[in-house]
Amino acid sequence: MTAATLTCQRSNADSLIVHLTGDWLLRSDLPGAGPVLRELSEPDKPSAIEFNTVDLGSWDTGLLTMLVAVHRGALAHDITVQESGLPEGARGLLALAFAVKEREGARRQAVDERFLERVGQATADALNNGRELLTFTGEVVLSLCRVATGRATYLRSDLLQHIQEAGAEALPITTLITFLIGMIFAFVGVMQLQQFGAGIYTADLVAIAMVREMAPIMTAILMAGRTGASYAAQIGTMKVNEEVDALTTLGLNPFDFLVSPRVIALLLMMPLLSLYGSAMGILGGMGVGLVMLDVGLMQYVQQTVEAVEQTDLWGGLFKSVVFGSLVAMAGCQQGMACGDSALAVGQSTTRAVVMSIVLIVVSASILTIIYINLDI
């Protein structure tokens, strides 16, 4: 196999003659189109490009890659390319390569944005997302009203399936996380309160923290990563496969058929999961307390019951309802706003989880401030 070479020579007619010799095969070390492109960018650039392939041996797509680069450089500098010196097969493949013009905007281009431009664009995107979520919330409320009045069309079996997925199937991960959170709270409480001889108040700390704050928040975050992401992926895939358009063509409202059953399922299951998570957290804290404190089981249970008031319980359950609605709407909204490609499904799923967690944290902060001001 003869080594491939590329040399450039100016002709008397102000043309650039490109001499190609040797075997131009992909498995060999091929020269690039750099020498030709440098000639094209000179101030006294040639008027045309010609090829001399008398000594050209075997070739494959390695030759075509170089020729395509030369053609694109010539087009950029408005220089004519004469292909008469190329092999017939190469001329045919080049004709196919340039038969259809590249779509404008198809090629990725590096954009050097300034910091303030990125901040402004991020702010505009956030405002646009908030506007879209608000509009989507209004559509969901109207859909839930149609469900309540019996005017919505949806499958009862789908609703039961979503309830099972958001409820019973979420119990294992909810049990593990909330139980461990309760143990962590109890361990921290014992280590600190025992220094003041108030170790028994660890039961109060764990019970109130789990019922009011941690169980609703942790359960909501778990559901955001588990169920909210699933909603975005399911609806997004249906959007890519044009199933949502098919529902509209059949006269079915996508909000009634797809969104409302999922929102109702999370609204029903989140308070139950939060209540269950509170119990698991208290059990985890009880296990640590009984091991590290000199108290009995009945004493710990009595201290827990006396610590938790009805306002704590109902306040935590109300938070779980709010968090559940936010997770469901964020997941469904990102699914309905999904693009038309497989990549868009992944992006929508990621945005759904991020949006859900942000909404959970923001709403938790607002509700906590309201509870404090109302002395709840």
Protein backbone atom coordinates (compact mmCIF):
# COMPACT_ATOMS: atom_id res chain seq x y z
CA MET A 1 0.00 0.00 0.00
CA THR A 2 1.42 3.37 -1.06
CA ALA A 3 1.26 6.25 1.41
CA ALA A 4 -1.26 8.95 0.55
CA THR A 5 0.03 12.43 -0.19
CA LEU A 6 -1.55 15.80 -0.93
CA THR A 7 0.34 18.68 -2.56
CA CYS A 8 -0.85 22.03 -3.88
CA GLN A 9 0.48 23.92 -6.92
CA ARG A 10 -0.59 27.19 -8.53
CA SER A 11 -1.12 27.09 -12.32
CA ASN A 12 -0.57 29.85 -14.83
CA ALA A 13 -4.33 30.34 -15.05
CA ASP A 14 -4.45 31.26 -11.33
CA SER A 15 -5.98 27.92 -10.41
CA LEU A 16 -4.96 25.74 -7.49
CA ILE A 17 -4.04 22.23 -8.62
CA VAL A 18 -4.34 19.60 -5.87
CA HIS A 19 -2.17 16.53 -6.57
CA LEU A 20 -3.46 13.35 -4.91
CA THR A 21 -1.21 10.29 -4.91
CA GLY A 22 -1.08 6.96 -3.15
CA ASP A 23 -3.84 4.93 -1.50
CA TRP A 24 -6.48 7.01 0.31
CA LEU A 25 -7.89 4.41 2.72
CA LEU A 26 -9.40 5.03 6.15
CA ARG A 27 -7.13 2.51 7.87
CA SER A 28 -4.03 4.48 6.82
CA ASP A 29 -2.65 7.82 7.99
CA LEU A 30 -4.30 10.30 5.64
CA PRO A 31 -3.34 13.94 5.16
CA GLY A 32 -6.05 16.49 5.87
CA ALA A 33 -7.41 19.32 3.79
CA GLY A 34 -5.41 21.92 5.74
CA PRO A 35 -2.94 22.87 2.96
CA VAL A 36 -5.79 23.50 0.53
CA LEU A 37 -7.84 25.51 3.03
CA ARG A 38 -4.83 27.68 3.86
CA GLU A 39 -4.40 28.50 0.18
CA LEU A 40 -8.06 29.47 -0.03
CA SER A 41 -7.75 31.91 2.86
CA GLU A 42 -4.77 33.77 1.38
CA PRO A 43 -5.36 37.34 0.09
CA ASP A 44 -4.45 36.23 -3.45
CA LYS A 45 -6.73 33.24 -3.32
CA PRO A 46 -7.10 31.11 -6.46
CA SER A 47 -10.04 31.46 -8.80
CA ALA A 48 -10.66 27.72 -9.07
CA ILE A 49 -9.57 24.36 -7.70
CA GLU A 50 -8.51 21.48 -9.95
CA PHE A 51 -7.52 17.91 -9.08
CA ASN A 52 -4.76 15.76 -10.47
CA THR A 53 -5.35 12.08 -9.64
CA VAL A 54 -3.10 10.39 -12.23
CA ASP A 55 -1.07 8.70 -9.48
CA LEU A 56 -4.07 8.03 -7.20
CA GLY A 57 -4.31 4.42 -6.07
CA SER A 58 -7.09 2.75 -4.10
CA TRP A 59 -9.52 4.99 -2.24
CA ASP A 60 -12.57 4.85 0.01
CA THR A 61 -14.51 7.31 2.17
CA GLY A 62 -11.22 8.65 3.51
CA LEU A 63 -10.80 10.46 0.18
CA LEU A 64 -14.42 11.61 0.24
CA THR A 65 -14.01 13.15 3.70
CA MET A 66 -11.12 15.30 2.48
CA LEU A 67 -12.94 16.27 -0.73
CA VAL A 68 -16.06 17.33 1.19
CA ALA A 69 -13.92 19.56 3.43
CA VAL A 70 -12.32 21.14 0.35
CA HIS A 71 -15.74 21.72 -1.27
CA ARG A 72 -17.11 23.41 1.85
CA GLY A 73 -14.04 25.64 2.08
CA ALA A 74 -14.40 26.58 -1.59
CA LEU A 75 -18.10 27.41 -1.12
CA ALA A 76 -17.25 29.59 1.87
CA HIS A 77 -14.74 31.59 -0.24
CA ASP A 78 -16.87 31.56 -3.42
CA ILE A 79 -14.30 29.55 -5.40
CA THR A 80 -15.18 27.17 -8.24
CA VAL A 81 -14.31 23.48 -7.86
CA GLN A 82 -13.58 21.58 -11.08
CA GLU A 83 -14.17 17.86 -10.50
CA SER A 84 -13.13 16.61 -13.93
CA GLY A 85 -9.81 15.30 -12.59
CA LEU A 86 -11.45 13.11 -9.94
CA PRO A 87 -12.45 9.45 -10.41
CA GLU A 88 -15.97 8.94 -11.72
CA GLY A 89 -17.10 7.24 -8.51
CA ALA A 90 -15.82 10.09 -6.37
CA ARG A 91 -17.66 12.62 -8.53
CA GLY A 92 -20.92 10.69 -8.12
CA LEU A 93 -20.58 10.47 -4.34
CA LEU A 94 -19.78 14.18 -4.09
CA ALA A 95 -22.86 14.96 -6.15
CA LEU A 96 -24.94 12.95 -3.68
CA ALA A 97 -23.29 14.64 -0.70
CA PHE A 98 -24.17 18.11 -1.98
CA ALA A 99 -27.48 17.25 -3.67
CA VAL A 100 -29.44 18.63 -0.70
CA LYS A 101 -28.25 21.81 0.97
CA GLU A 102 -27.60 21.72 4.68
CA ARG A 103 -30.58 23.03 6.61
CA GLU A 104 -29.97 26.40 8.17
CA GLY A 105 -29.31 26.08 11.88
CA ALA A 106 -28.70 22.32 11.72
CA ARG A 107 -25.00 22.62 12.52
CA ARG A 108 -24.10 23.30 16.12
CA GLN A 109 -22.23 26.53 16.64
CA ALA A 110 -20.37 27.63 19.71
CA VAL A 111 -22.03 30.68 21.21
CA ASP A 112 -19.97 32.87 23.51
CA GLU A 113 -22.55 34.52 25.73
CA ARG A 114 -21.67 37.05 28.38
CA PHE A 115 -22.51 36.46 32.02
CA LEU A 116 -25.29 39.04 32.11
CA GLU A 117 -26.78 37.57 28.93
CA ARG A 118 -26.88 34.12 30.51
CA VAL A 119 -28.47 35.51 33.68
CA GLY A 120 -31.05 37.41 31.66
CA GLN A 121 -31.85 34.37 29.52
CA ALA A 122 -32.18 32.17 32.62
CA THR A 123 -34.50 34.74 34.22
CA ALA A 124 -36.62 34.95 31.08
CA ASP A 125 -36.81 31.16 30.90
CA ALA A 126 -37.85 30.96 34.57
CA LEU A 127 -40.59 33.54 34.06
CA ASN A 128 -41.79 31.72 30.95
CA ASN A 129 -41.85 28.40 32.80
CA GLY A 130 -43.80 30.01 35.63
CA ARG A 131 -46.32 31.43 33.17
CA GLU A 132 -46.72 28.05 31.49
CA LEU A 133 -47.15 26.29 34.84
CA LEU A 134 -49.79 28.84 35.89
CA THR A 135 -51.69 28.31 32.63
CA PHE A 136 -51.39 24.57 33.04
CA THR A 137 -52.71 24.82 36.61
CA GLY A 138 -55.80 26.59 35.33
CA GLU A 139 -56.40 23.84 32.77
CA VAL A 140 -55.99 21.20 35.48
CA VAL A 141 -58.47 22.96 37.77
CA LEU A 142 -61.04 23.08 34.96
CA SER A 143 -60.39 19.41 34.22
CA LEU A 144 -60.85 18.45 37.88
CA CYS A 145 -64.13 20.35 37.90
CA ARG A 146 -65.27 18.30 34.88
CA VAL A 147 -64.23 15.12 36.70
CA ALA A 148 -66.16 16.17 39.81
CA THR A 149 -69.30 16.89 37.78
CA GLY A 150 -69.05 13.67 35.74
CA ARG A 151 -68.39 15.45 32.42
CA ALA A 152 -64.81 14.21 31.96
CA THR A 153 -63.88 11.16 29.90
CA TYR A 154 -61.18 8.96 31.43
CA LEU A 155 -60.62 5.30 32.26
CA ARG A 156 -61.40 4.26 35.84
CA SER A 157 -58.85 1.48 35.46
CA ASP A 158 -56.15 4.07 34.71
CA LEU A 159 -57.06 5.98 37.87
CA LEU A 160 -56.83 2.81 39.98
CA GLN A 161 -53.51 1.93 38.39
CA HIS A 162 -52.08 5.39 39.13
CA ILE A 163 -53.33 5.12 42.72
CA GLN A 164 -51.54 1.81 43.10
CA GLU A 165 -48.32 3.13 41.56
CA ALA A 166 -48.35 6.28 43.71
CA GLY A 167 -49.47 4.47 46.85
CA ALA A 168 -48.77 0.81 47.55
CA GLU A 169 -45.76 0.56 45.24
CA ALA A 170 -44.14 3.57 46.94
CA LEU A 171 -44.32 2.07 50.43
CA PRO A 172 -40.94 0.26 50.43
CA ILE A 173 -38.82 3.30 49.56
CA THR A 174 -40.93 5.52 51.84
CA THR A 175 -40.44 3.08 54.71
CA LEU A 176 -36.67 2.97 54.28
CA ILE A 177 -36.08 6.70 53.93
CA THR A 178 -38.41 7.95 56.64
CA PHE A 179 -37.27 5.27 59.10
CA LEU A 180 -33.64 6.31 58.60
CA ILE A 181 -34.53 10.01 58.85
CA GLY A 182 -36.23 9.33 62.19
CA MET A 183 -33.14 7.49 63.43
CA ILE A 184 -30.90 10.38 62.40
CA PHE A 185 -33.09 12.93 64.17
CA ALA A 186 -33.16 10.80 67.30
CA PHE A 187 -29.40 10.32 67.31
CA VAL A 188 -28.76 14.05 66.97
CA GLY A 189 -31.36 14.82 69.63
CA VAL A 190 -29.95 12.31 72.11
CA MET A 191 -26.38 13.53 71.66
CA GLN A 192 -27.39 17.15 72.30
CA LEU A 193 -30.23 16.93 74.82
CA GLN A 194 -28.53 14.36 77.01
CA GLN A 195 -25.91 16.96 77.91
CA PHE A 196 -28.66 18.91 79.72
CA GLY A 197 -30.37 15.90 81.24
CA ALA A 198 -33.31 16.29 78.85
CA GLY A 199 -32.81 13.17 76.73
CA ILE A 200 -36.48 12.19 77.03
CA TYR A 201 -37.40 15.23 74.94
CA THR A 202 -35.83 13.44 71.98
CA ALA A 203 -39.26 11.85 71.57
CA ASP A 204 -40.80 15.33 71.22
CA LEU A 205 -38.15 16.39 68.72
CA VAL A 206 -38.57 13.34 66.49
CA ALA A 207 -42.37 13.27 66.64
CA ILE A 208 -42.95 16.97 65.92
CA ALA A 209 -40.24 17.18 63.25
CA MET A 210 -41.52 14.13 61.40
CA VAL A 211 -45.22 14.98 61.59
CA ARG A 212 -44.94 18.69 60.78
CA GLU A 213 -42.01 18.90 58.38
CA MET A 214 -39.78 15.99 57.48
CA ALA A 215 -42.32 13.30 56.59
CA PRO A 216 -44.27 15.52 54.15
CA ILE A 217 -41.11 16.99 52.61
CA MET A 218 -39.16 13.73 52.29
CA THR A 219 -42.19 11.88 50.94
CA ALA A 220 -42.79 14.65 48.41
CA ILE A 221 -39.15 14.61 47.26
CA LEU A 222 -39.30 10.82 46.90
CA MET A 223 -42.47 11.10 44.84
CA ALA A 224 -40.93 13.84 42.72
CA GLY A 225 -38.03 11.58 41.74
CA ARG A 226 -40.19 8.48 41.43
CA THR A 227 -43.73 9.36 40.36
CA GLY A 228 -43.33 12.90 39.00
CA ALA A 229 -40.50 11.80 36.73
CA SER A 230 -42.60 8.81 35.64
CA TYR A 231 -45.50 11.10 34.71
CA ALA A 232 -43.22 13.32 32.62
CA ALA A 233 -41.67 10.33 30.85
CA GLN A 234 -45.00 8.61 30.17
CA ILE A 235 -46.80 11.66 28.80
CA GLY A 236 -43.65 12.84 26.99
CA THR A 237 -43.33 9.48 25.23
CA MET A 238 -46.99 9.65 24.24
CA LYS A 239 -46.35 13.16 22.89
CA VAL A 240 -43.40 11.92 20.80
CA ASN A 241 -45.46 8.99 19.47
CA GLU A 242 -48.30 11.42 18.61
CA GLU A 243 -50.69 9.58 20.93
CA VAL A 244 -51.73 12.87 22.53
CA ASP A 245 -52.65 14.21 19.09
CA ALA A 246 -54.57 11.00 18.45
CA LEU A 247 -56.63 11.57 21.62
CA THR A 248 -57.47 15.08 20.46
CA THR A 249 -58.45 13.73 17.03
CA LEU A 250 -60.78 11.24 18.71
CA GLY A 251 -62.48 14.09 20.56
CA LEU A 252 -60.93 13.29 23.97
CA ASN A 253 -59.49 16.03 26.15
CA PRO A 254 -55.87 15.09 27.01
CA PHE A 255 -56.17 16.85 30.35
CA ASP A 256 -59.20 14.77 31.31
CA PHE A 257 -57.77 11.51 29.98
CA LEU A 258 -54.11 11.81 31.00
CA VAL A 259 -53.53 14.55 33.55
CA SER A 260 -56.50 14.48 35.93
CA PRO A 261 -56.21 10.76 36.91
CA ARG A 262 -52.54 11.26 37.79
CA VAL A 263 -53.21 14.43 39.79
CA ILE A 264 -56.09 12.79 41.68
CA ALA A 265 -53.95 9.75 42.46
CA LEU A 266 -51.19 11.83 44.05
CA LEU A 267 -53.66 14.06 45.88
CA LEU A 268 -55.21 10.96 47.47
CA MET A 269 -52.00 9.07 48.21
CA MET A 270 -49.67 11.82 49.43
CA PRO A 271 -51.45 12.42 52.78
CA LEU A 272 -51.53 8.67 53.43
CA LEU A 273 -47.87 8.27 52.53
CA SER A 274 -46.98 11.26 54.70
CA LEU A 275 -48.90 9.80 57.64
CA TYR A 276 -47.23 6.44 57.11
CA GLY A 277 -43.83 8.13 56.81
CA SER A 278 -44.41 9.96 60.08
CA ALA A 279 -45.13 6.66 61.82
CA MET A 280 -42.02 5.06 60.33
CA GLY A 281 -39.87 8.03 61.37
CA ILE A 282 -41.22 7.89 64.92
CA LEU A 283 -40.48 4.15 65.05
CA GLY A 284 -36.93 4.79 63.86
CA GLY A 285 -36.45 7.47 66.49
CA MET A 286 -37.96 5.19 69.11
CA GLY A 287 -35.46 2.46 68.31
CA VAL A 288 -32.53 4.85 68.80
CA GLY A 289 -34.07 6.40 71.91
CA LEU A 290 -34.69 3.08 73.64
CA VAL A 291 -31.12 1.97 72.96
CA MET A 292 -29.32 5.19 73.93
CA LEU A 293 -31.64 6.52 76.65
CA ASP A 294 -32.53 5.05 80.00
CA VAL A 295 -36.29 5.07 79.29
CA GLY A 296 -38.92 2.40 78.81
CA LEU A 297 -41.17 1.78 75.85
CA MET A 298 -44.34 3.09 77.49
CA GLN A 299 -42.60 6.23 78.74
CA TYR A 300 -41.30 7.01 75.25
CA VAL A 301 -44.70 6.37 73.67
CA GLN A 302 -46.46 8.56 76.23
CA GLN A 303 -43.99 11.39 75.66
CA THR A 304 -44.57 11.13 71.90
CA VAL A 305 -48.36 11.18 72.21
CA GLU A 306 -48.25 14.21 74.51
CA ALA A 307 -45.90 16.07 72.16
CA VAL A 308 -47.95 15.77 68.97
CA GLU A 309 -51.03 17.97 68.82
CA GLN A 310 -53.83 17.95 66.27
CA THR A 311 -52.54 21.17 64.71
CA ASP A 312 -49.21 19.44 64.03
CA LEU A 313 -50.95 16.48 62.42
CA TRP A 314 -53.35 18.48 60.24
CA GLY A 315 -50.64 20.98 59.33
CA GLY A 316 -48.40 18.18 58.06
CA LEU A 317 -51.24 16.57 56.13
CA PHE A 318 -52.14 19.87 54.48
CA LYS A 319 -48.53 20.31 53.41
CA SER A 320 -48.53 16.83 51.90
CA VAL A 321 -51.62 17.69 49.83
CA VAL A 322 -49.95 20.85 48.54
CA PHE A 323 -46.72 19.00 47.76
CA GLY A 324 -48.59 16.20 46.00
CA SER A 325 -50.44 18.60 43.76
CA LEU A 326 -47.21 20.42 42.88
CA VAL A 327 -45.37 17.19 42.05
CA ALA A 328 -48.23 15.93 39.88
CA MET A 329 -48.65 19.20 37.99
CA ALA A 330 -44.90 19.66 37.42
CA GLY A 331 -44.55 16.13 36.05
CA CYS A 332 -47.61 16.32 33.83
CA GLN A 333 -46.83 19.85 32.63
CA GLN A 334 -43.32 18.92 31.54
CA GLY A 335 -44.69 15.82 29.84
CA MET A 336 -47.26 17.82 27.89
CA ALA A 337 -44.59 20.40 26.96
CA CYS A 338 -42.20 17.71 25.71
CA GLY A 339 -40.64 18.06 22.28
CA ASP A 340 -40.77 15.59 19.41
CA SER A 341 -37.63 13.52 20.03
CA ALA A 342 -36.31 10.91 22.43
CA LEU A 343 -33.82 13.47 23.76
CA ALA A 344 -36.70 15.80 24.63
CA VAL A 345 -38.28 13.07 26.80
CA GLY A 346 -35.15 12.86 28.94
CA GLN A 347 -34.92 16.63 29.19
CA SER A 348 -38.58 16.90 30.22
CA THR A 349 -38.08 14.23 32.89
CA THR A 350 -35.09 16.08 34.32
CA ARG A 351 -36.90 19.41 34.31
CA ALA A 352 -39.92 17.81 36.01
CA VAL A 353 -37.82 16.55 38.93
CA VAL A 354 -35.94 19.84 39.32
CA MET A 355 -39.12 21.90 39.11
CA SER A 356 -40.90 19.64 41.62
CA ILE A 357 -38.12 19.88 44.20
CA VAL A 358 -37.86 23.66 43.82
CA LEU A 359 -41.62 24.06 44.21
CA ILE A 360 -41.62 21.75 47.24
CA VAL A 361 -38.89 23.70 49.03
CA VAL A 362 -40.40 27.10 48.20
CA SER A 363 -43.92 26.10 49.22
CA ALA A 364 -42.62 24.45 52.42
CA SER A 365 -40.89 27.69 53.39
CA ILE A 366 -44.01 29.75 52.69
CA LEU A 367 -46.28 27.38 54.62
CA THR A 368 -43.89 27.29 57.57
CA ILE A 369 -43.89 31.09 57.77
CA ILE A 370 -47.69 31.10 57.60
CA TYR A 371 -47.94 28.48 60.33
CA ILE A 372 -45.62 30.48 62.59
CA ASN A 373 -47.56 33.72 62.09
CA LEU A 374 -50.87 31.94 62.70
CA ASP A 375 -49.42 30.14 65.74
CA ILE A 376 -50.25 26.75 64.26
